[in-house]
């Protein structure tokens, strides 16, 4: 069974869109939020989410990607928050 991606969007007062996403059906499911500009193609949003989910397979590098940059580069991924779903916790 292949993982499914669910998307919900909400238009903010700023005109941007907050996209709530979640995955289901994989070994590790994720959820998160993405801030998108108006008229951003859905394919671009899905590609960005998939890129970040794929990167979570190498979590230490993904979580510490800016540890040594100290402002040397500008990363445009600051508009996404991604979390791993935890099952069985009360």
N, C-alpha and C. Protein backbone atom coordinates (compact mmCIF):
# COMPACT_ATOMS: atom_id res chain seq x y z
N UNK A 1 0.83 -1.18 0.00
CA UNK A 1 0.00 0.00 0.00
C UNK A 1 0.88 1.24 0.00
N UNK A 2 0.60 2.16 -0.86
CA UNK A 2 1.38 3.38 -0.97
C UNK A 2 0.82 4.45 -0.04
N UNK A 3 1.69 5.28 0.48
CA UNK A 3 1.28 6.35 1.39
C UNK A 3 0.40 7.36 0.66
N UNK A 4 -0.61 7.85 1.37
CA UNK A 4 -1.50 8.86 0.81
C UNK A 4 -1.22 10.19 1.49
N UNK A 5 -1.34 11.25 0.73
CA UNK A 5 -1.14 12.60 1.24
C UNK A 5 -2.48 13.31 1.25
N UNK A 6 -2.85 13.83 2.42
CA UNK A 6 -4.10 14.58 2.55
C UNK A 6 -3.76 16.05 2.76
N UNK A 7 -4.47 16.90 2.04
CA UNK A 7 -4.24 18.35 2.11
C UNK A 7 -5.52 19.08 2.46
N UNK A 8 -5.39 20.09 3.31
CA UNK A 8 -6.48 21.03 3.59
C UNK A 8 -5.85 22.41 3.56
N UNK A 9 -6.56 23.38 2.99
CA UNK A 9 -5.99 24.73 2.94
C UNK A 9 -6.94 25.75 3.53
N UNK A 10 -6.34 26.84 4.00
CA UNK A 10 -7.11 27.93 4.58
C UNK A 10 -6.45 29.23 4.14
N UNK A 11 -7.23 30.14 3.60
CA UNK A 11 -6.70 31.43 3.18
C UNK A 11 -6.56 32.34 4.40
N UNK A 12 -5.38 32.91 4.56
CA UNK A 12 -5.10 33.80 5.67
C UNK A 12 -5.40 35.24 5.29
N UNK A 13 -5.51 36.11 6.28
CA UNK A 13 -5.77 37.53 6.03
C UNK A 13 -4.68 38.16 5.16
N UNK A 14 -3.47 37.63 5.22
CA UNK A 14 -2.36 38.15 4.43
C UNK A 14 -2.49 37.81 2.95
N UNK A 15 -3.42 36.92 2.61
CA UNK A 15 -3.57 36.47 1.23
C UNK A 15 -2.85 35.18 0.94
N UNK A 16 -1.94 34.77 1.85
CA UNK A 16 -1.24 33.50 1.69
C UNK A 16 -2.16 32.37 2.14
N UNK A 17 -1.73 31.14 1.86
CA UNK A 17 -2.52 29.97 2.22
C UNK A 17 -1.76 29.12 3.22
N UNK A 18 -2.45 28.73 4.29
CA UNK A 18 -1.90 27.76 5.23
C UNK A 18 -2.41 26.40 4.80
N UNK A 19 -1.50 25.49 4.53
CA UNK A 19 -1.86 24.15 4.07
C UNK A 19 -1.53 23.17 5.18
N UNK A 20 -2.54 22.47 5.63
CA UNK A 20 -2.40 21.42 6.63
C UNK A 20 -2.29 20.11 5.86
N UNK A 21 -1.24 19.32 6.12
CA UNK A 21 -1.07 18.07 5.39
C UNK A 21 -0.81 16.93 6.36
N UNK A 22 -1.13 15.73 5.91
CA UNK A 22 -0.83 14.53 6.68
C UNK A 22 -0.64 13.37 5.71
N UNK A 23 0.14 12.39 6.15
CA UNK A 23 0.35 11.19 5.36
C UNK A 23 -0.27 10.01 6.10
N UNK A 24 -0.70 9.03 5.34
CA UNK A 24 -1.26 7.81 5.90
C UNK A 24 -0.81 6.63 5.06
N UNK A 25 -0.58 5.50 5.72
CA UNK A 25 -0.30 4.27 4.98
C UNK A 25 1.16 3.96 4.77
N UNK A 26 2.06 4.64 5.46
CA UNK A 26 3.48 4.31 5.33
C UNK A 26 4.00 3.82 6.68
N UNK A 27 5.26 3.43 6.73
CA UNK A 27 5.84 2.96 7.98
C UNK A 27 5.84 4.06 9.04
N UNK A 28 6.14 5.27 8.63
CA UNK A 28 6.11 6.43 9.51
C UNK A 28 5.22 7.47 8.87
N UNK A 29 4.19 7.87 9.58
CA UNK A 29 3.30 8.90 9.06
C UNK A 29 3.69 10.25 9.63
N UNK A 30 3.43 11.29 8.85
CA UNK A 30 3.80 12.64 9.22
C UNK A 30 2.60 13.57 9.06
N UNK A 31 2.69 14.71 9.73
CA UNK A 31 1.72 15.78 9.54
C UNK A 31 2.45 17.09 9.67
N UNK A 32 1.85 18.15 9.17
CA UNK A 32 2.51 19.44 9.28
C UNK A 32 1.73 20.54 8.60
N UNK A 33 2.41 21.67 8.48
CA UNK A 33 1.81 22.88 7.94
C UNK A 33 2.80 23.53 6.98
N UNK A 34 2.25 24.11 5.95
CA UNK A 34 3.06 24.76 4.92
C UNK A 34 2.41 26.10 4.61
N UNK A 35 3.22 27.13 4.47
CA UNK A 35 2.72 28.43 4.08
C UNK A 35 3.03 28.63 2.59
N UNK A 36 1.98 28.85 1.80
CA UNK A 36 2.14 28.97 0.35
C UNK A 36 1.65 30.33 -0.13
N UNK A 37 2.31 30.82 -1.14
CA UNK A 37 1.91 32.07 -1.77
C UNK A 37 0.67 31.83 -2.64
N UNK A 38 -0.12 32.89 -2.87
CA UNK A 38 -1.26 32.73 -3.79
C UNK A 38 -0.78 32.28 -5.17
N UNK A 39 -1.56 31.51 -5.84
CA UNK A 39 -1.31 31.01 -7.20
C UNK A 39 -0.14 30.02 -7.27
N UNK A 40 0.27 29.47 -6.14
CA UNK A 40 1.28 28.41 -6.17
C UNK A 40 0.61 27.14 -6.68
N UNK A 41 1.17 26.51 -7.71
CA UNK A 41 0.55 25.29 -8.24
C UNK A 41 0.52 24.17 -7.19
N UNK A 42 -0.54 23.40 -7.20
CA UNK A 42 -0.70 22.29 -6.26
C UNK A 42 0.46 21.30 -6.41
N UNK A 43 0.90 21.07 -7.64
CA UNK A 43 2.02 20.15 -7.88
C UNK A 43 3.28 20.61 -7.16
N UNK A 44 3.51 21.92 -7.11
CA UNK A 44 4.68 22.47 -6.42
C UNK A 44 4.56 22.26 -4.91
N UNK A 45 3.37 22.45 -4.37
CA UNK A 45 3.14 22.22 -2.94
C UNK A 45 3.37 20.75 -2.60
N UNK A 46 2.83 19.85 -3.39
CA UNK A 46 3.00 18.41 -3.15
C UNK A 46 4.47 18.02 -3.27
N UNK A 47 5.17 18.57 -4.25
CA UNK A 47 6.58 18.25 -4.43
C UNK A 47 7.40 18.70 -3.22
N UNK A 48 7.10 19.88 -2.68
CA UNK A 48 7.83 20.39 -1.52
C UNK A 48 7.57 19.51 -0.30
N UNK A 49 6.32 19.13 -0.08
CA UNK A 49 6.00 18.26 1.04
C UNK A 49 6.71 16.92 0.89
N UNK A 50 6.64 16.33 -0.28
CA UNK A 50 7.31 15.04 -0.52
C UNK A 50 8.81 15.13 -0.32
N UNK A 51 9.41 16.23 -0.75
CA UNK A 51 10.85 16.44 -0.57
C UNK A 51 11.22 16.42 0.92
N UNK A 52 10.43 17.10 1.73
CA UNK A 52 10.71 17.15 3.16
C UNK A 52 10.45 15.81 3.83
N UNK A 53 9.40 15.12 3.42
CA UNK A 53 9.12 13.80 3.99
C UNK A 53 10.24 12.83 3.63
N UNK A 54 10.71 12.87 2.40
CA UNK A 54 11.83 12.01 2.00
C UNK A 54 13.08 12.34 2.79
N UNK A 55 13.30 13.61 3.07
CA UNK A 55 14.48 14.03 3.82
C UNK A 55 14.44 13.56 5.27
N UNK A 56 13.24 13.33 5.78
CA UNK A 56 13.13 12.87 7.16
C UNK A 56 13.74 11.47 7.34
N UNK A 57 13.98 10.74 6.26
CA UNK A 57 14.65 9.45 6.36
C UNK A 57 16.07 9.60 6.89
N UNK A 58 16.68 10.75 6.66
CA UNK A 58 18.01 11.05 7.19
C UNK A 58 17.85 12.16 8.22
N UNK A 59 17.16 11.85 9.30
CA UNK A 59 16.74 12.86 10.27
C UNK A 59 17.85 13.69 10.87
N UNK A 60 18.99 13.13 11.27
CA UNK A 60 20.02 14.00 11.87
C UNK A 60 20.46 15.12 10.91
N UNK A 61 20.64 14.80 9.64
CA UNK A 61 21.02 15.84 8.68
C UNK A 61 19.88 16.81 8.42
N UNK A 62 18.67 16.29 8.37
CA UNK A 62 17.50 17.15 8.11
C UNK A 62 17.28 18.12 9.27
N UNK A 63 17.35 17.61 10.50
CA UNK A 63 17.07 18.46 11.65
C UNK A 63 18.20 19.44 11.96
N UNK A 64 19.41 19.14 11.55
CA UNK A 64 20.54 20.01 11.85
C UNK A 64 21.13 20.64 10.60
N UNK A 65 20.33 20.85 9.58
CA UNK A 65 20.87 21.33 8.30
C UNK A 65 21.47 22.72 8.38
N UNK A 66 21.12 23.49 9.38
CA UNK A 66 21.66 24.85 9.50
C UNK A 66 22.69 24.98 10.61
N UNK A 67 23.10 23.89 11.20
CA UNK A 67 23.99 23.95 12.36
C UNK A 67 25.28 24.71 12.06
N UNK A 68 25.88 24.51 10.89
CA UNK A 68 27.15 25.13 10.58
C UNK A 68 27.04 26.23 9.54
N UNK A 69 25.84 26.55 9.09
CA UNK A 69 25.72 27.56 8.04
C UNK A 69 25.91 28.97 8.59
N UNK A 70 25.40 29.27 9.78
CA UNK A 70 25.55 30.57 10.43
C UNK A 70 25.30 31.73 9.47
N UNK A 71 24.22 31.66 8.74
CA UNK A 71 23.84 32.75 7.87
C UNK A 71 24.54 32.78 6.53
N UNK A 72 25.28 31.77 6.18
CA UNK A 72 26.00 31.75 4.92
C UNK A 72 25.10 31.52 3.73
N UNK A 73 23.94 30.88 3.96
CA UNK A 73 23.05 30.62 2.85
C UNK A 73 21.61 30.89 3.28
N UNK A 74 20.80 31.19 2.31
CA UNK A 74 19.39 31.45 2.57
C UNK A 74 18.61 30.22 2.14
N UNK A 75 17.88 29.65 3.09
CA UNK A 75 17.09 28.45 2.81
C UNK A 75 15.63 28.85 2.81
N UNK A 76 14.91 28.48 1.78
CA UNK A 76 13.51 28.86 1.63
C UNK A 76 12.58 27.80 2.21
N UNK A 77 13.06 26.98 3.12
CA UNK A 77 12.21 25.95 3.70
C UNK A 77 11.64 26.37 5.04
N UNK A 78 11.81 27.61 5.43
CA UNK A 78 11.32 28.08 6.70
C UNK A 78 9.82 28.20 6.76
N UNK A 79 9.14 27.91 5.69
CA UNK A 79 7.69 28.02 5.65
C UNK A 79 6.99 26.68 5.78
N UNK A 80 7.69 25.69 6.31
CA UNK A 80 7.09 24.37 6.49
C UNK A 80 7.45 23.84 7.87
N UNK A 81 6.46 23.26 8.53
CA UNK A 81 6.66 22.56 9.79
C UNK A 81 6.20 21.13 9.56
N UNK A 82 7.02 20.18 9.97
CA UNK A 82 6.68 18.77 9.76
C UNK A 82 6.97 18.00 11.04
N UNK A 83 6.04 17.11 11.38
CA UNK A 83 6.12 16.34 12.60
C UNK A 83 5.83 14.87 12.29
N UNK A 84 6.40 14.00 13.09
CA UNK A 84 6.14 12.57 12.96
C UNK A 84 4.95 12.23 13.84
N UNK A 85 3.99 11.47 13.31
CA UNK A 85 2.85 11.02 14.12
C UNK A 85 3.30 9.95 15.08
N UNK A 86 2.87 10.07 16.30
CA UNK A 86 3.19 9.08 17.33
C UNK A 86 1.91 8.35 17.69
N UNK A 87 1.91 7.06 17.53
CA UNK A 87 0.73 6.24 17.80
C UNK A 87 0.87 5.56 19.16
N UNK A 88 -0.25 5.36 19.80
CA UNK A 88 -0.26 4.61 21.05
C UNK A 88 0.11 5.39 22.28
N UNK A 89 0.25 6.70 22.17
CA UNK A 89 0.56 7.52 23.34
C UNK A 89 -0.71 8.18 23.83
N UNK A 90 -0.88 8.18 25.14
CA UNK A 90 -2.09 8.79 25.71
C UNK A 90 -1.75 10.05 26.46
